[in-house]
Amino acid sequence: ADITYGTLLSGTQLNASVVGGLAGSFVYNPVAGTRLD
């Protein structure tokens, strides 16, 4: 969903999942805590 400038990226936006629940790790770019223009 749209966010307003000043909102830091969090699990609300960075919430990918894998079909079948395969174990592993997610690496996001940009990372949580980033403020986007």
PDB file of all heavy atoms in Angstrom:
ATOM      1  N   ALA A   1       0.846  -1.199   0.000  1.00  0.00           N
ATOM      2  CA  ALA A   1       0.000   0.000   0.000  1.00  0.00           C
ATOM      3  C   ALA A   1       0.880   1.247   0.000  1.00  0.00           C
ATOM      4  O   ALA A   1       2.035   1.212   0.450  1.00  0.00           O
ATOM      5  CB  ALA A   1      -0.903  -0.002   1.235  1.00  0.00           C
ATOM      6  N   ASP A   2       0.340   2.349  -0.514  1.00  0.00           N
ATOM      7  CA  ASP A   2       1.058   3.620  -0.539  1.00  0.00           C
ATOM      8  C   ASP A   2       1.463   4.023   0.877  1.00  0.00           C
ATOM      9  O   ASP A   2       0.744   3.741   1.852  1.00  0.00           O
ATOM     10  CB  ASP A   2       0.177   4.733  -1.106  1.00  0.00           C
ATOM     11  CG  ASP A   2      -0.188   4.508  -2.569  1.00  0.00           C
ATOM     12  OD1 ASP A   2       0.352   3.570  -3.197  1.00  0.00           O
ATOM     13  OD2 ASP A   2      -1.017   5.281  -3.084  1.00  0.00           O
ATOM     14  N   ILE A   3       2.600   4.696   0.976  1.00  0.00           N
ATOM     15  CA  ILE A   3       3.051   5.272   2.244  1.00  0.00           C
ATOM     16  C   ILE A   3       3.338   6.754   2.005  1.00  0.00           C
ATOM     17  O   ILE A   3       3.414   7.204   0.873  1.00  0.00           O
ATOM     18  CB  ILE A   3       4.298   4.558   2.813  1.00  0.00           C
ATOM     19  CG1 ILE A   3       5.482   4.617   1.831  1.00  0.00           C
ATOM     20  CG2 ILE A   3       3.974   3.134   3.206  1.00  0.00           C
ATOM     21  CD1 ILE A   3       6.790   4.067   2.394  1.00  0.00           C
ATOM     22  N   THR A   4       3.478   7.509   3.081  1.00  0.00           N
ATOM     23  CA  THR A   4       3.787   8.930   2.999  1.00  0.00           C
ATOM     24  C   THR A   4       5.258   9.133   3.323  1.00  0.00           C
ATOM     25  O   THR A   4       5.812   8.442   4.189  1.00  0.00           O
ATOM     26  CB  THR A   4       2.909   9.720   3.993  1.00  0.00           C
ATOM     27  OG1 THR A   4       1.536   9.477   3.663  1.00  0.00           O
ATOM     28  CG2 THR A   4       3.178  11.207   3.927  1.00  0.00           C
ATOM     29  N   TYR A   5       5.893  10.088   2.641  1.00  0.00           N
ATOM     30  CA  TYR A   5       7.298  10.399   2.901  1.00  0.00           C
ATOM     31  C   TYR A   5       7.506  10.580   4.398  1.00  0.00           C
ATOM     32  O   TYR A   5       6.724  11.251   5.064  1.00  0.00           O
ATOM     33  CB  TYR A   5       7.718  11.675   2.155  1.00  0.00           C
ATOM     34  CG  TYR A   5       9.123  12.098   2.488  1.00  0.00           C
ATOM     35  CD1 TYR A   5      10.202  11.400   1.983  1.00  0.00           C
ATOM     36  CD2 TYR A   5       9.363  13.159   3.345  1.00  0.00           C
ATOM     37  CE1 TYR A   5      11.503  11.764   2.312  1.00  0.00           C
ATOM     38  CE2 TYR A   5      10.653  13.538   3.677  1.00  0.00           C
ATOM     39  CZ  TYR A   5      11.721  12.835   3.165  1.00  0.00           C
ATOM     40  OH  TYR A   5      12.992  13.187   3.493  1.00  0.00           O
ATOM     41  N   GLY A   6       8.551   9.974   4.899  1.00  0.00           N
ATOM     42  CA  GLY A   6       8.848  10.016   6.331  1.00  0.00           C
ATOM     43  C   GLY A   6       8.560   8.681   6.990  1.00  0.00           C
ATOM     44  O   GLY A   6       9.096   8.391   8.052  1.00  0.00           O
ATOM     45  N   THR A   7       7.697   7.846   6.360  1.00  0.00           N
ATOM     46  CA  THR A   7       7.404   6.522   6.899  1.00  0.00           C
ATOM     47  C   THR A   7       8.594   5.617   6.602  1.00  0.00           C
ATOM     48  O   THR A   7       9.032   5.503   5.461  1.00  0.00           O
ATOM     49  CB  THR A   7       6.141   5.927   6.237  1.00  0.00           C
ATOM     50  OG1 THR A   7       5.048   6.815   6.462  1.00  0.00           O
ATOM     51  CG2 THR A   7       5.819   4.553   6.788  1.00  0.00           C
ATOM     52  N   LEU A   8       9.122   4.979   7.630  1.00  0.00           N
ATOM     53  CA  LEU A   8      10.252   4.070   7.447  1.00  0.00           C
ATOM     54  C   LEU A   8       9.743   2.698   7.021  1.00  0.00           C
ATOM     55  O   LEU A   8       8.700   2.243   7.494  1.00  0.00           O
ATOM     56  CB  LEU A   8      11.054   3.949   8.743  1.00  0.00           C
ATOM     57  CG  LEU A   8      11.607   5.262   9.310  1.00  0.00           C
ATOM     58  CD1 LEU A   8      12.383   5.001  10.598  1.00  0.00           C
ATOM     59  CD2 LEU A   8      12.483   5.981   8.303  1.00  0.00           C
ATOM     60  N   LEU A   9      10.472   2.054   6.117  1.00  0.00           N
ATOM     61  CA  LEU A   9      10.091   0.706   5.682  1.00  0.00           C
ATOM     62  C   LEU A   9      10.115  -0.248   6.871  1.00  0.00           C
ATOM     63  O   LEU A   9      11.006  -0.171   7.721  1.00  0.00           O
ATOM     64  CB  LEU A   9      11.048   0.192   4.605  1.00  0.00           C
ATOM     65  CG  LEU A   9      10.969   0.869   3.244  1.00  0.00           C
ATOM     66  CD1 LEU A   9      12.037   0.298   2.304  1.00  0.00           C
ATOM     67  CD2 LEU A   9       9.593   0.712   2.628  1.00  0.00           C
ATOM     68  N   SER A  10       9.125  -1.136   6.909  1.00  0.00           N
ATOM     69  CA  SER A  10       9.019  -2.100   8.006  1.00  0.00           C
ATOM     70  C   SER A  10       8.445  -3.399   7.462  1.00  0.00           C
ATOM     71  O   SER A  10       8.248  -3.555   6.255  1.00  0.00           O
ATOM     72  CB  SER A  10       8.105  -1.546   9.108  1.00  0.00           C
ATOM     73  OG  SER A  10       6.757  -1.499   8.637  1.00  0.00           O
ATOM     74  N   GLY A  11       8.138  -4.315   8.357  1.00  0.00           N
ATOM     75  CA  GLY A  11       7.535  -5.581   7.981  1.00  0.00           C
ATOM     76  C   GLY A  11       6.180  -5.421   7.313  1.00  0.00           C
ATOM     77  O   GLY A  11       5.692  -6.341   6.669  1.00  0.00           O
ATOM     78  N   THR A  12       5.579  -4.249   7.452  1.00  0.00           N
ATOM     79  CA  THR A  12       4.304  -4.003   6.770  1.00  0.00           C
ATOM     80  C   THR A  12       4.512  -3.988   5.263  1.00  0.00           C
ATOM     81  O   THR A  12       3.678  -4.483   4.512  1.00  0.00           O
ATOM     82  CB  THR A  12       3.706  -2.657   7.234  1.00  0.00           C
ATOM     83  OG1 THR A  12       3.536  -2.711   8.644  1.00  0.00           O
ATOM     84  CG2 THR A  12       2.371  -2.386   6.564  1.00  0.00           C
ATOM     85  N   GLN A  13       5.625  -3.429   4.808  1.00  0.00           N
ATOM     86  CA  GLN A  13       5.923  -3.392   3.376  1.00  0.00           C
ATOM     87  C   GLN A  13       6.822  -4.564   2.962  1.00  0.00           C
ATOM     88  O   GLN A  13       6.678  -5.109   1.870  1.00  0.00           O
ATOM     89  CB  GLN A  13       6.649  -2.085   2.997  1.00  0.00           C
ATOM     90  CG  GLN A  13       5.841  -0.831   3.214  1.00  0.00           C
ATOM     91  CD  GLN A  13       5.864  -0.366   4.667  1.00  0.00           C
ATOM     92  OE1 GLN A  13       6.835  -0.532   5.386  1.00  0.00           O
ATOM     93  NE2 GLN A  13       4.750   0.213   5.108  1.00  0.00           N
ATOM     94  N   LEU A  14       7.740  -4.937   3.825  1.00  0.00           N
ATOM     95  CA  LEU A  14       8.723  -5.989   3.528  1.00  0.00           C
ATOM     96  C   LEU A  14       8.205  -7.310   4.084  1.00  0.00           C
ATOM     97  O   LEU A  14       8.674  -7.809   5.108  1.00  0.00           O
ATOM     98  CB  LEU A  14      10.084  -5.617   4.128  1.00  0.00           C
ATOM     99  CG  LEU A  14      10.604  -4.224   3.751  1.00  0.00           C
ATOM    100  CD1 LEU A  14      11.921  -3.938   4.445  1.00  0.00           C
ATOM    101  CD2 LEU A  14      10.738  -4.065   2.240  1.00  0.00           C
ATOM    102  N   ASN A  15       7.203  -7.878   3.399  1.00  0.00           N
ATOM    103  CA  ASN A  15       6.477  -9.039   3.930  1.00  0.00           C
ATOM    104  C   ASN A  15       6.357 -10.180   2.920  1.00  0.00           C
ATOM    105  O   ASN A  15       5.328 -10.846   2.837  1.00  0.00           O
ATOM    106  CB  ASN A  15       5.089  -8.602   4.395  1.00  0.00           C
ATOM    107  CG  ASN A  15       4.269  -7.998   3.273  1.00  0.00           C
ATOM    108  OD1 ASN A  15       4.751  -7.787   2.159  1.00  0.00           O
ATOM    109  ND2 ASN A  15       3.022  -7.704   3.549  1.00  0.00           N
ATOM    110  N   ALA A  16       7.417 -10.438   2.167  1.00  0.00           N
ATOM    111  CA  ALA A  16       7.394 -11.528   1.182  1.00  0.00           C
ATOM    112  C   ALA A  16       7.313 -12.878   1.886  1.00  0.00           C
ATOM    113  O   ALA A  16       7.728 -13.031   3.034  1.00  0.00           O
ATOM    114  CB  ALA A  16       8.646 -11.470   0.310  1.00  0.00           C
ATOM    115  N   SER A  17       6.775 -13.868   1.168  1.00  0.00           N
ATOM    116  CA  SER A  17       6.730 -15.248   1.665  1.00  0.00           C
ATOM    117  C   SER A  17       7.028 -16.176   0.490  1.00  0.00           C
ATOM    118  O   SER A  17       7.046 -15.749  -0.659  1.00  0.00           O
ATOM    119  CB  SER A  17       5.356 -15.564   2.269  1.00  0.00           C
ATOM    120  OG  SER A  17       4.348 -15.460   1.274  1.00  0.00           O
ATOM    121  N   VAL A  18       7.278 -17.446   0.817  1.00  0.00           N
ATOM    122  CA  VAL A  18       7.601 -18.432  -0.211  1.00  0.00           C
ATOM    123  C   VAL A  18       6.494 -19.472  -0.259  1.00  0.00           C
ATOM    124  O   VAL A  18       6.029 -19.952   0.784  1.00  0.00           O
ATOM    125  CB  VAL A  18       8.953 -19.119   0.089  1.00  0.00           C
ATOM    126  CG1 VAL A  18       9.244 -20.214  -0.900  1.00  0.00           C
ATOM    127  CG2 VAL A  18      10.064 -18.098   0.073  1.00  0.00           C
ATOM    128  N   VAL A  19       6.072 -19.797  -1.477  1.00  0.00           N
ATOM    129  CA  VAL A  19       5.050 -20.820  -1.660  1.00  0.00           C
ATOM    130  C   VAL A  19       5.562 -22.127  -1.060  1.00  0.00           C
ATOM    131  O   VAL A  19       6.703 -22.518  -1.285  1.00  0.00           O
ATOM    132  CB  VAL A  19       4.726 -21.012  -3.161  1.00  0.00           C
ATOM    133  CG1 VAL A  19       3.784 -22.191  -3.363  1.00  0.00           C
ATOM    134  CG2 VAL A  19       4.127 -19.742  -3.735  1.00  0.00           C
ATOM    135  N   GLY A  20       4.738 -22.785  -0.280  1.00  0.00           N
ATOM    136  CA  GLY A  20       5.106 -24.065   0.326  1.00  0.00           C
ATOM    137  C   GLY A  20       5.820 -23.926   1.650  1.00  0.00           C
ATOM    138  O   GLY A  20       6.163 -24.926   2.270  1.00  0.00           O
ATOM    139  N   GLY A  21       6.076 -22.698   2.094  1.00  0.00           N
ATOM    140  CA  GLY A  21       6.691 -22.496   3.402  1.00  0.00           C
ATOM    141  C   GLY A  21       8.116 -23.006   3.513  1.00  0.00           C
ATOM    142  O   GLY A  21       8.563 -23.389   4.592  1.00  0.00           O
ATOM    143  N   LEU A  22       8.854 -23.023   2.417  1.00  0.00           N
ATOM    144  CA  LEU A  22      10.238 -23.482   2.408  1.00  0.00           C
ATOM    145  C   LEU A  22      11.073 -22.666   3.396  1.00  0.00           C
ATOM    146  O   LEU A  22      10.943 -21.450   3.473  1.00  0.00           O
ATOM    147  CB  LEU A  22      10.792 -23.332   0.986  1.00  0.00           C
ATOM    148  CG  LEU A  22      12.198 -23.812   0.705  1.00  0.00           C
ATOM    149  CD1 LEU A  22      12.289 -25.328   0.902  1.00  0.00           C
ATOM    150  CD2 LEU A  22      12.587 -23.462  -0.721  1.00  0.00           C
ATOM    151  N   ALA A  23      11.932 -23.342   4.151  1.00  0.00           N
ATOM    152  CA  ALA A  23      12.775 -22.655   5.134  1.00  0.00           C
ATOM    153  C   ALA A  23      13.883 -21.878   4.424  1.00  0.00           C
ATOM    154  O   ALA A  23      14.416 -22.330   3.410  1.00  0.00           O
ATOM    155  CB  ALA A  23      13.374 -23.654   6.111  1.00  0.00           C
ATOM    156  N   GLY A  24      14.217 -20.722   4.961  1.00  0.00           N
ATOM    157  CA  GLY A  24      15.281 -19.911   4.400  1.00  0.00           C
ATOM    158  C   GLY A  24      15.213 -18.496   4.933  1.00  0.00           C
ATOM    159  O   GLY A  24      14.486 -18.218   5.888  1.00  0.00           O
ATOM    160  N   SER A  25      15.963 -17.602   4.312  1.00  0.00           N
ATOM    161  CA  SER A  25      16.012 -16.222   4.775  1.00  0.00           C
ATOM    162  C   SER A  25      15.756 -15.259   3.618  1.00  0.00           C
ATOM    163  O   SER A  25      16.056 -15.564   2.467  1.00  0.00           O
ATOM    164  CB  SER A  25      17.368 -15.921   5.410  1.00  0.00           C
ATOM    165  OG  SER A  25      18.401 -16.081   4.456  1.00  0.00           O
ATOM    166  N   PHE A  26      15.187 -14.093   3.968  1.00  0.00           N
ATOM    167  CA  PHE A  26      14.889 -13.045   3.000  1.00  0.00           C
ATOM    168  C   PHE A  26      15.874 -11.895   3.190  1.00  0.00           C
ATOM    169  O   PHE A  26      16.145 -11.489   4.319  1.00  0.00           O
ATOM    170  CB  PHE A  26      13.467 -12.516   3.194  1.00  0.00           C
ATOM    171  CG  PHE A  26      12.400 -13.515   2.867  1.00  0.00           C
ATOM    172  CD1 PHE A  26      11.839 -14.317   3.851  1.00  0.00           C
ATOM    173  CD2 PHE A  26      11.946 -13.659   1.563  1.00  0.00           C
ATOM    174  CE1 PHE A  26      10.847 -15.231   3.542  1.00  0.00           C
ATOM    175  CE2 PHE A  26      10.959 -14.570   1.247  1.00  0.00           C
ATOM    176  CZ  PHE A  26      10.413 -15.361   2.244  1.00  0.00           C
ATOM    177  N   VAL A  27      16.385 -11.376   2.099  1.00  0.00           N
ATOM    178  CA  VAL A  27      17.259 -10.210   2.132  1.00  0.00           C
ATOM    179  C   VAL A  27      16.586  -9.136   1.272  1.00  0.00           C
ATOM    180  O   VAL A  27      16.405  -9.327   0.073  1.00  0.00           O
ATOM    181  CB  VAL A  27      18.664 -10.534   1.587  1.00  0.00           C
ATOM    182  CG1 VAL A  27      19.528  -9.272   1.599  1.00  0.00           C
ATOM    183  CG2 VAL A  27      19.314 -11.648   2.395  1.00  0.00           C
ATOM    184  N   TYR A  28      16.199  -8.023   1.923  1.00  0.00           N
ATOM    185  CA  TYR A  28      15.478  -6.948   1.239  1.00  0.00           C
ATOM    186  C   TYR A  28      16.431  -5.820   0.845  1.00  0.00           C
ATOM    187  O   TYR A  28      17.402  -5.534   1.540  1.00  0.00           O
ATOM    188  CB  TYR A  28      14.388  -6.376   2.148  1.00  0.00           C
ATOM    189  CG  TYR A  28      13.268  -7.347   2.414  1.00  0.00           C
ATOM    190  CD1 TYR A  28      13.277  -8.143   3.556  1.00  0.00           C
ATOM    191  CD2 TYR A  28      12.213  -7.470   1.517  1.00  0.00           C
ATOM    192  CE1 TYR A  28      12.245  -9.040   3.796  1.00  0.00           C
ATOM    193  CE2 TYR A  28      11.181  -8.359   1.757  1.00  0.00           C
ATOM    194  CZ  TYR A  28      11.205  -9.150   2.894  1.00  0.00           C
ATOM    195  OH  TYR A  28      10.190 -10.028   3.126  1.00  0.00           O
ATOM    196  N   ASN A  29      16.087  -5.168  -0.250  1.00  0.00           N
ATOM    197  CA  ASN A  29      16.808  -3.983  -0.683  1.00  0.00           C
ATOM    198  C   ASN A  29      15.790  -2.981  -1.208  1.00  0.00           C
ATOM    199  O   ASN A  29      15.096  -3.307  -2.162  1.00  0.00           O
ATOM    200  CB  ASN A  29      17.819  -4.322  -1.779  1.00  0.00           C
ATOM    201  CG  ASN A  29      18.672  -3.128  -2.148  1.00  0.00           C
ATOM    202  OD1 ASN A  29      18.822  -2.201  -1.361  1.00  0.00           O
ATOM    203  ND2 ASN A  29      19.196  -3.119  -3.351  1.00  0.00           N
ATOM    204  N   PRO A  30      15.656  -1.821  -0.562  1.00  0.00           N
ATOM    205  CA  PRO A  30      16.345  -1.362   0.628  1.00  0.00           C
ATOM    206  C   PRO A  30      15.857  -2.095   1.873  1.00  0.00           C
ATOM    207  O   PRO A  30      14.803  -2.731   1.854  1.00  0.00           O
ATOM    208  CB  PRO A  30      16.009   0.122   0.685  1.00  0.00           C
ATOM    209  CG  PRO A  30      14.799   0.299  -0.153  1.00  0.00           C
ATOM    210  CD  PRO A  30      14.760  -0.820  -1.125  1.00  0.00           C
ATOM    211  N   VAL A  31      16.605  -1.959   2.942  1.00  0.00           N
ATOM    212  CA  VAL A  31      16.344  -2.693   4.182  1.00  0.00           C
ATOM    213  C   VAL A  31      15.292  -1.993   5.040  1.00  0.00           C
ATOM    214  O   VAL A  31      14.973  -0.822   4.825  1.00  0.00           O
ATOM    215  CB  VAL A  31      17.649  -2.872   4.995  1.00  0.00           C
ATOM    216  CG1 VAL A  31      18.664  -3.687   4.208  1.00  0.00           C
ATOM    217  CG2 VAL A  31      18.236  -1.525   5.396  1.00  0.00           C
ATOM    218  N   ALA A  32      14.788  -2.705   6.025  1.00  0.00           N
ATOM    219  CA  ALA A  32      13.847  -2.132   6.998  1.00  0.00           C
ATOM    220  C   ALA A  32      14.506  -0.931   7.664  1.00  0.00           C
ATOM    221  O   ALA A  32      15.711  -0.932   7.928  1.00  0.00           O
ATOM    222  CB  ALA A  32      13.455  -3.177   8.031  1.00  0.00           C
ATOM    223  N   GLY A  33      13.718   0.098   7.920  1.00  0.00           N
ATOM    224  CA  GLY A  33      14.232   1.312   8.541  1.00  0.00           C
ATOM    225  C   GLY A  33      14.638   2.378   7.539  1.00  0.00           C
ATOM    226  O   GLY A  33      15.010   3.481   7.928  1.00  0.00           O
ATOM    227  N   THR A  34      14.545   2.063   6.244  1.00  0.00           N
ATOM    228  CA  THR A  34      14.909   3.033   5.209  1.00  0.00           C
ATOM    229  C   THR A  34      13.762   4.002   4.965  1.00  0.00           C
ATOM    230  O   THR A  34      12.606   3.599   4.923  1.00  0.00           O
ATOM    231  CB  THR A  34      15.259   2.309   3.889  1.00  0.00           C
ATOM    232  OG1 THR A  34      16.359   1.431   4.114  1.00  0.00           O
ATOM    233  CG2 THR A  34      15.607   3.293   2.786  1.00  0.00           C
ATOM    234  N   ARG A  35      14.090   5.290   4.789  1.00  0.00           N
ATOM    235  CA  ARG A  35      13.094   6.305   4.413  1.00  0.00           C
ATOM    236  C   ARG A  35      13.283   6.577   2.922  1.00  0.00           C
ATOM    237  O   ARG A  35      14.338   7.022   2.492  1.00  0.00           O
ATOM    238  CB  ARG A  35      13.287   7.585   5.218  1.00  0.00           C
ATOM    239  CG  ARG A  35      12.259   8.665   4.841  1.00  0.00           C
ATOM    240  CD  ARG A  35      12.412   9.923   5.636  1.00  0.00           C
ATOM    241  NE  ARG A  35      13.720  10.501   5.418  1.00  0.00           N
ATOM    242  CZ  ARG A  35      14.310  11.350   6.250  1.00  0.00           C
ATOM    243  NH1 ARG A  35      13.711  11.710   7.362  1.00  0.00           N
ATOM    244  NH2 ARG A  35      15.496  11.835   5.978  1.00  0.00           N
ATOM    245  N   LEU A  36      12.242   6.304   2.138  1.00  0.00           N
ATOM    246  CA  LEU A  36      12.295   6.484   0.692  1.00  0.00           C
ATOM    247  C   LEU A  36      11.815   7.874   0.304  1.00  0.00           C
ATOM    248  O   LEU A  36      10.931   8.437   0.951  1.00  0.00           O
ATOM    249  CB  LEU A  36      11.408   5.445  -0.007  1.00  0.00           C
ATOM    250  CG  LEU A  36      11.769   3.977   0.214  1.00  0.00           C
ATOM    251  CD1 LEU A  36      10.698   3.078  -0.397  1.00  0.00           C
ATOM    252  CD2 LEU A  36      13.124   3.667  -0.395  1.00  0.00           C
ATOM    253  N   ASP A  37      12.364   8.421  -0.787  1.00  0.00           N
ATOM    254  CA  ASP A  37      11.881   9.681  -1.331  1.00  0.00           C
ATOM    255  C   ASP A  37      10.504   9.478  -1.950  1.00  0.00           C
ATOM    256  O   ASP A  37      10.128   8.354  -2.319  1.00  0.00           O
ATOM    257  CB  ASP A  37      12.832  10.205  -2.409  1.00  0.00           C
ATOM    258  CG  ASP A  37      14.083  10.835  -1.826  1.00  0.00           C
ATOM    259  OD1 ASP A  37      14.038  11.304  -0.674  1.00  0.00           O
ATOM    260  OD2 ASP A  37      15.112  10.860  -2.540  1.00  0.00           O
TER     261      ASP A  37
END
